[in-house]
């Protein structure tokens, strides 16, 4: 796998994780205003973006398992940070929706 391929995948993760976090943030705003149904819809939309990030991450993990050379990328480190943040946002929204 080339550095350019890693960079492209990283930006896809950053973009989708960012879109997921935006949806989760909007869901929290809806919850604050007692608009639970809208919050659930935004949670589902955020989950769609988060699933896209997981698909990309899974491809990278499979490549590494298959002993492909995966060059280090600071951009990918940043992408993984975005993914982890999105997962945390998802958990927070889900927790508040369960109340």
N, C-alpha and C. Protein backbone atom coordinates (compact mmCIF):
# COMPACT_ATOMS: atom_id res chain seq x y z
N UNK A 1 0.85 -1.17 0.00
CA UNK A 1 0.00 0.00 0.00
C UNK A 1 0.90 1.24 0.00
N UNK A 2 0.58 2.20 -0.84
CA UNK A 2 1.42 3.39 -0.96
C UNK A 2 1.02 4.44 0.07
N UNK A 3 1.93 5.35 0.29
CA UNK A 3 1.65 6.46 1.21
C UNK A 3 0.45 7.28 0.72
N UNK A 4 0.33 7.45 -0.61
CA UNK A 4 -0.82 8.19 -1.15
C UNK A 4 -2.13 7.47 -0.85
N UNK A 5 -2.12 6.15 -0.95
CA UNK A 5 -3.32 5.39 -0.63
C UNK A 5 -3.70 5.54 0.84
N UNK A 6 -2.70 5.50 1.71
CA UNK A 6 -2.93 5.67 3.14
C UNK A 6 -3.50 7.07 3.43
N UNK A 7 -2.94 8.06 2.77
CA UNK A 7 -3.40 9.43 2.95
C UNK A 7 -4.85 9.58 2.51
N UNK A 8 -5.18 9.01 1.36
CA UNK A 8 -6.57 9.08 0.86
C UNK A 8 -7.52 8.41 1.85
N UNK A 9 -7.15 7.24 2.33
CA UNK A 9 -8.00 6.52 3.29
C UNK A 9 -8.13 7.31 4.60
N UNK A 10 -7.04 7.94 5.01
CA UNK A 10 -7.07 8.73 6.24
C UNK A 10 -8.05 9.90 6.11
N UNK A 11 -8.01 10.57 4.96
CA UNK A 11 -8.93 11.70 4.78
C UNK A 11 -10.39 11.23 4.68
N UNK A 12 -10.61 10.05 4.16
CA UNK A 12 -11.97 9.50 4.16
C UNK A 12 -12.44 9.23 5.58
N UNK A 13 -11.55 8.70 6.41
CA UNK A 13 -11.90 8.46 7.82
C UNK A 13 -12.18 9.79 8.51
N UNK A 14 -11.30 10.78 8.31
CA UNK A 14 -11.48 12.09 8.93
C UNK A 14 -12.82 12.70 8.52
N UNK A 15 -13.13 12.64 7.25
CA UNK A 15 -14.36 13.22 6.74
C UNK A 15 -15.59 12.53 7.31
N UNK A 16 -15.62 11.21 7.24
CA UNK A 16 -16.79 10.48 7.72
C UNK A 16 -16.93 10.56 9.24
N UNK A 17 -15.81 10.49 9.96
CA UNK A 17 -15.88 10.61 11.42
C UNK A 17 -16.35 12.02 11.80
N UNK A 18 -15.88 13.02 11.08
CA UNK A 18 -16.33 14.39 11.33
C UNK A 18 -17.82 14.54 11.08
N UNK A 19 -18.31 13.95 9.99
CA UNK A 19 -19.74 14.00 9.70
C UNK A 19 -20.54 13.27 10.78
N UNK A 20 -20.01 12.16 11.26
CA UNK A 20 -20.68 11.42 12.34
C UNK A 20 -20.75 12.28 13.59
N UNK A 21 -19.63 12.91 13.96
CA UNK A 21 -19.62 13.76 15.15
C UNK A 21 -20.60 14.92 15.02
N UNK A 22 -20.70 15.50 13.82
CA UNK A 22 -21.67 16.58 13.59
C UNK A 22 -23.09 16.09 13.86
N UNK A 23 -23.42 14.90 13.37
CA UNK A 23 -24.76 14.34 13.60
C UNK A 23 -25.00 14.07 15.08
N UNK A 24 -23.99 13.53 15.76
CA UNK A 24 -24.13 13.26 17.19
C UNK A 24 -24.30 14.55 17.99
N UNK A 25 -23.58 15.57 17.61
CA UNK A 25 -23.70 16.87 18.28
C UNK A 25 -25.11 17.42 18.09
N UNK A 26 -25.60 17.35 16.86
CA UNK A 26 -26.95 17.82 16.58
C UNK A 26 -27.98 16.99 17.36
N UNK A 27 -27.71 15.70 17.52
CA UNK A 27 -28.62 14.84 18.30
C UNK A 27 -28.67 15.31 19.75
N UNK A 28 -27.52 15.69 20.31
CA UNK A 28 -27.52 16.19 21.68
C UNK A 28 -28.29 17.49 21.82
N UNK A 29 -28.17 18.34 20.82
CA UNK A 29 -28.96 19.59 20.83
C UNK A 29 -30.44 19.25 20.81
N UNK A 30 -30.83 18.30 19.97
CA UNK A 30 -32.23 17.88 19.92
C UNK A 30 -32.68 17.32 21.26
N UNK A 31 -31.84 16.51 21.88
CA UNK A 31 -32.20 15.95 23.19
C UNK A 31 -32.39 17.05 24.23
N UNK A 32 -31.53 18.03 24.19
CA UNK A 32 -31.62 19.16 25.12
C UNK A 32 -32.94 19.90 24.96
N UNK A 33 -33.48 19.89 23.75
CA UNK A 33 -34.74 20.57 23.45
C UNK A 33 -35.94 19.61 23.47
N UNK A 34 -35.70 18.41 24.02
CA UNK A 34 -36.74 17.37 24.15
C UNK A 34 -37.30 16.91 22.81
N UNK A 35 -36.46 16.89 21.80
CA UNK A 35 -36.86 16.39 20.48
C UNK A 35 -36.22 15.02 20.28
N UNK A 36 -36.71 14.05 21.05
CA UNK A 36 -36.09 12.73 21.08
C UNK A 36 -36.14 11.99 19.75
N UNK A 37 -37.23 12.11 19.03
CA UNK A 37 -37.33 11.41 17.74
C UNK A 37 -36.32 11.94 16.74
N UNK A 38 -36.17 13.27 16.70
CA UNK A 38 -35.16 13.86 15.82
C UNK A 38 -33.76 13.42 16.24
N UNK A 39 -33.54 13.33 17.55
CA UNK A 39 -32.23 12.90 18.04
C UNK A 39 -31.93 11.47 17.60
N UNK A 40 -32.94 10.62 17.63
CA UNK A 40 -32.74 9.22 17.20
C UNK A 40 -32.39 9.16 15.72
N UNK A 41 -33.03 9.98 14.93
CA UNK A 41 -32.75 10.02 13.49
C UNK A 41 -31.30 10.47 13.26
N UNK A 42 -30.88 11.50 13.99
CA UNK A 42 -29.51 11.99 13.83
C UNK A 42 -28.49 10.97 14.33
N UNK A 43 -28.84 10.25 15.38
CA UNK A 43 -27.96 9.17 15.84
C UNK A 43 -27.79 8.12 14.74
N UNK A 44 -28.89 7.75 14.10
CA UNK A 44 -28.82 6.77 13.02
C UNK A 44 -27.98 7.29 11.85
N UNK A 45 -28.15 8.56 11.52
CA UNK A 45 -27.36 9.16 10.44
C UNK A 45 -25.88 9.16 10.81
N UNK A 46 -25.58 9.53 12.04
CA UNK A 46 -24.20 9.50 12.51
C UNK A 46 -23.62 8.10 12.43
N UNK A 47 -24.44 7.12 12.77
CA UNK A 47 -23.98 5.72 12.73
C UNK A 47 -23.63 5.29 11.31
N UNK A 48 -24.35 5.80 10.32
CA UNK A 48 -24.03 5.47 8.92
C UNK A 48 -22.63 5.98 8.56
N UNK A 49 -22.33 7.21 8.98
CA UNK A 49 -21.00 7.75 8.71
C UNK A 49 -19.94 6.96 9.48
N UNK A 50 -20.25 6.62 10.73
CA UNK A 50 -19.29 5.87 11.54
C UNK A 50 -19.02 4.50 10.94
N UNK A 51 -20.05 3.87 10.39
CA UNK A 51 -19.86 2.57 9.74
C UNK A 51 -18.92 2.66 8.55
N UNK A 52 -18.99 3.77 7.82
CA UNK A 52 -18.07 3.96 6.69
C UNK A 52 -16.63 4.03 7.19
N UNK A 53 -16.42 4.68 8.32
CA UNK A 53 -15.06 4.76 8.85
C UNK A 53 -14.57 3.38 9.27
N UNK A 54 -15.46 2.60 9.84
CA UNK A 54 -15.08 1.24 10.25
C UNK A 54 -14.73 0.37 9.05
N UNK A 55 -15.43 0.55 7.95
CA UNK A 55 -15.13 -0.22 6.74
C UNK A 55 -13.72 0.09 6.24
N UNK A 56 -13.36 1.35 6.26
CA UNK A 56 -12.02 1.74 5.81
C UNK A 56 -10.97 1.19 6.77
N UNK A 57 -11.23 1.34 8.06
CA UNK A 57 -10.29 0.84 9.06
C UNK A 57 -10.12 -0.68 8.94
N UNK A 58 -11.21 -1.38 8.68
CA UNK A 58 -11.15 -2.83 8.52
C UNK A 58 -10.27 -3.21 7.34
N UNK A 59 -10.38 -2.48 6.23
CA UNK A 59 -9.52 -2.75 5.08
C UNK A 59 -8.04 -2.58 5.45
N UNK A 60 -7.74 -1.55 6.20
CA UNK A 60 -6.36 -1.32 6.63
C UNK A 60 -5.87 -2.45 7.53
N UNK A 61 -6.70 -2.86 8.45
CA UNK A 61 -6.32 -3.94 9.37
C UNK A 61 -6.10 -5.24 8.61
N UNK A 62 -6.99 -5.52 7.65
CA UNK A 62 -6.84 -6.73 6.85
C UNK A 62 -5.54 -6.69 6.04
N UNK A 63 -5.21 -5.52 5.52
CA UNK A 63 -3.96 -5.38 4.77
C UNK A 63 -2.76 -5.66 5.66
N UNK A 64 -2.82 -5.14 6.86
CA UNK A 64 -1.70 -5.38 7.78
C UNK A 64 -1.61 -6.84 8.19
N UNK A 65 -2.75 -7.47 8.41
CA UNK A 65 -2.77 -8.90 8.75
C UNK A 65 -2.18 -9.72 7.61
N UNK A 66 -2.45 -9.29 6.38
CA UNK A 66 -1.90 -9.97 5.20
C UNK A 66 -0.46 -9.57 4.91
N UNK A 67 0.16 -8.91 5.87
CA UNK A 67 1.56 -8.52 5.83
C UNK A 67 1.90 -7.54 4.72
N UNK A 68 0.92 -6.75 4.30
CA UNK A 68 1.22 -5.66 3.37
C UNK A 68 1.96 -4.58 4.14
N UNK A 69 2.82 -3.88 3.44
CA UNK A 69 3.54 -2.78 4.06
C UNK A 69 2.60 -1.59 4.18
N UNK A 70 2.36 -1.16 5.41
CA UNK A 70 1.51 0.00 5.67
C UNK A 70 2.42 1.11 6.20
N UNK A 71 2.75 2.09 5.34
CA UNK A 71 3.65 3.15 5.79
C UNK A 71 3.02 3.99 6.90
N UNK A 72 3.86 4.40 7.86
CA UNK A 72 3.38 5.26 8.94
C UNK A 72 2.92 6.59 8.36
N UNK A 73 1.83 7.10 8.94
CA UNK A 73 1.31 8.38 8.49
C UNK A 73 0.75 9.14 9.69
N UNK A 74 1.25 10.34 9.90
CA UNK A 74 0.72 11.19 10.95
C UNK A 74 -0.74 11.54 10.65
N UNK A 75 -1.06 11.66 9.38
CA UNK A 75 -2.44 11.94 8.99
C UNK A 75 -3.34 10.78 9.41
N UNK A 76 -2.86 9.54 9.27
CA UNK A 76 -3.66 8.39 9.69
C UNK A 76 -3.82 8.38 11.21
N UNK A 77 -2.78 8.79 11.92
CA UNK A 77 -2.90 8.89 13.37
C UNK A 77 -4.00 9.89 13.73
N UNK A 78 -4.02 11.00 13.03
CA UNK A 78 -5.07 12.00 13.24
C UNK A 78 -6.45 11.42 12.89
N UNK A 79 -6.51 10.65 11.84
CA UNK A 79 -7.78 10.02 11.43
C UNK A 79 -8.27 9.06 12.51
N UNK A 80 -7.37 8.28 13.07
CA UNK A 80 -7.75 7.34 14.13
C UNK A 80 -8.26 8.10 15.36
N UNK A 81 -7.66 9.24 15.63
CA UNK A 81 -8.12 10.08 16.74
C UNK A 81 -9.55 10.56 16.47
N UNK A 82 -9.81 10.98 15.23
CA UNK A 82 -11.17 11.39 14.86
C UNK A 82 -12.16 10.24 15.02
N UNK A 83 -11.75 9.07 14.60
CA UNK A 83 -12.62 7.89 14.72
C UNK A 83 -12.93 7.62 16.19
N UNK A 84 -11.92 7.65 17.05
CA UNK A 84 -12.15 7.41 18.47
C UNK A 84 -13.07 8.47 19.07
N UNK A 85 -12.90 9.72 18.66
CA UNK A 85 -13.78 10.78 19.16
C UNK A 85 -15.21 10.54 18.72
N UNK A 86 -15.39 10.13 17.49
CA UNK A 86 -16.75 9.86 16.98
C UNK A 86 -17.40 8.72 17.77
N UNK A 87 -16.62 7.69 18.07
CA UNK A 87 -17.16 6.57 18.85
C UNK A 87 -17.60 7.07 20.23
N UNK A 88 -16.81 7.94 20.83
CA UNK A 88 -17.19 8.48 22.14
C UNK A 88 -18.45 9.32 22.06
N UNK A 89 -18.57 10.13 21.02
CA UNK A 89 -19.79 10.91 20.82
C UNK A 89 -21.00 9.98 20.67
N UNK A 90 -20.82 8.92 19.90
CA UNK A 90 -21.91 7.97 19.71
C UNK A 90 -22.36 7.39 21.05
N UNK A 91 -21.42 7.01 21.87
CA UNK A 91 -21.74 6.42 23.18
C UNK A 91 -22.47 7.41 24.07
N UNK A 92 -22.05 8.67 24.04
CA UNK A 92 -22.70 9.68 24.87
C UNK A 92 -24.15 9.88 24.43
N UNK A 93 -24.36 10.02 23.13
CA UNK A 93 -25.73 10.22 22.62
C UNK A 93 -26.59 9.01 22.95
N UNK A 94 -26.06 7.83 22.74
CA UNK A 94 -26.81 6.61 23.03
C UNK A 94 -27.17 6.55 24.52
N UNK A 95 -26.25 6.92 25.36
CA UNK A 95 -26.50 6.90 26.80
C UNK A 95 -27.64 7.85 27.16
N UNK A 96 -27.61 9.06 26.61
CA UNK A 96 -28.68 10.02 26.90
C UNK A 96 -30.02 9.61 26.32
N UNK A 97 -30.01 8.93 25.19
CA UNK A 97 -31.27 8.47 24.59
C UNK A 97 -31.90 7.36 25.42
N UNK A 98 -31.10 6.62 26.15
CA UNK A 98 -31.61 5.51 26.95
C UNK A 98 -32.29 5.99 28.22
N UNK A 99 -32.10 7.25 28.61
CA UNK A 99 -32.70 7.76 29.85
C UNK A 99 -34.20 7.88 29.73
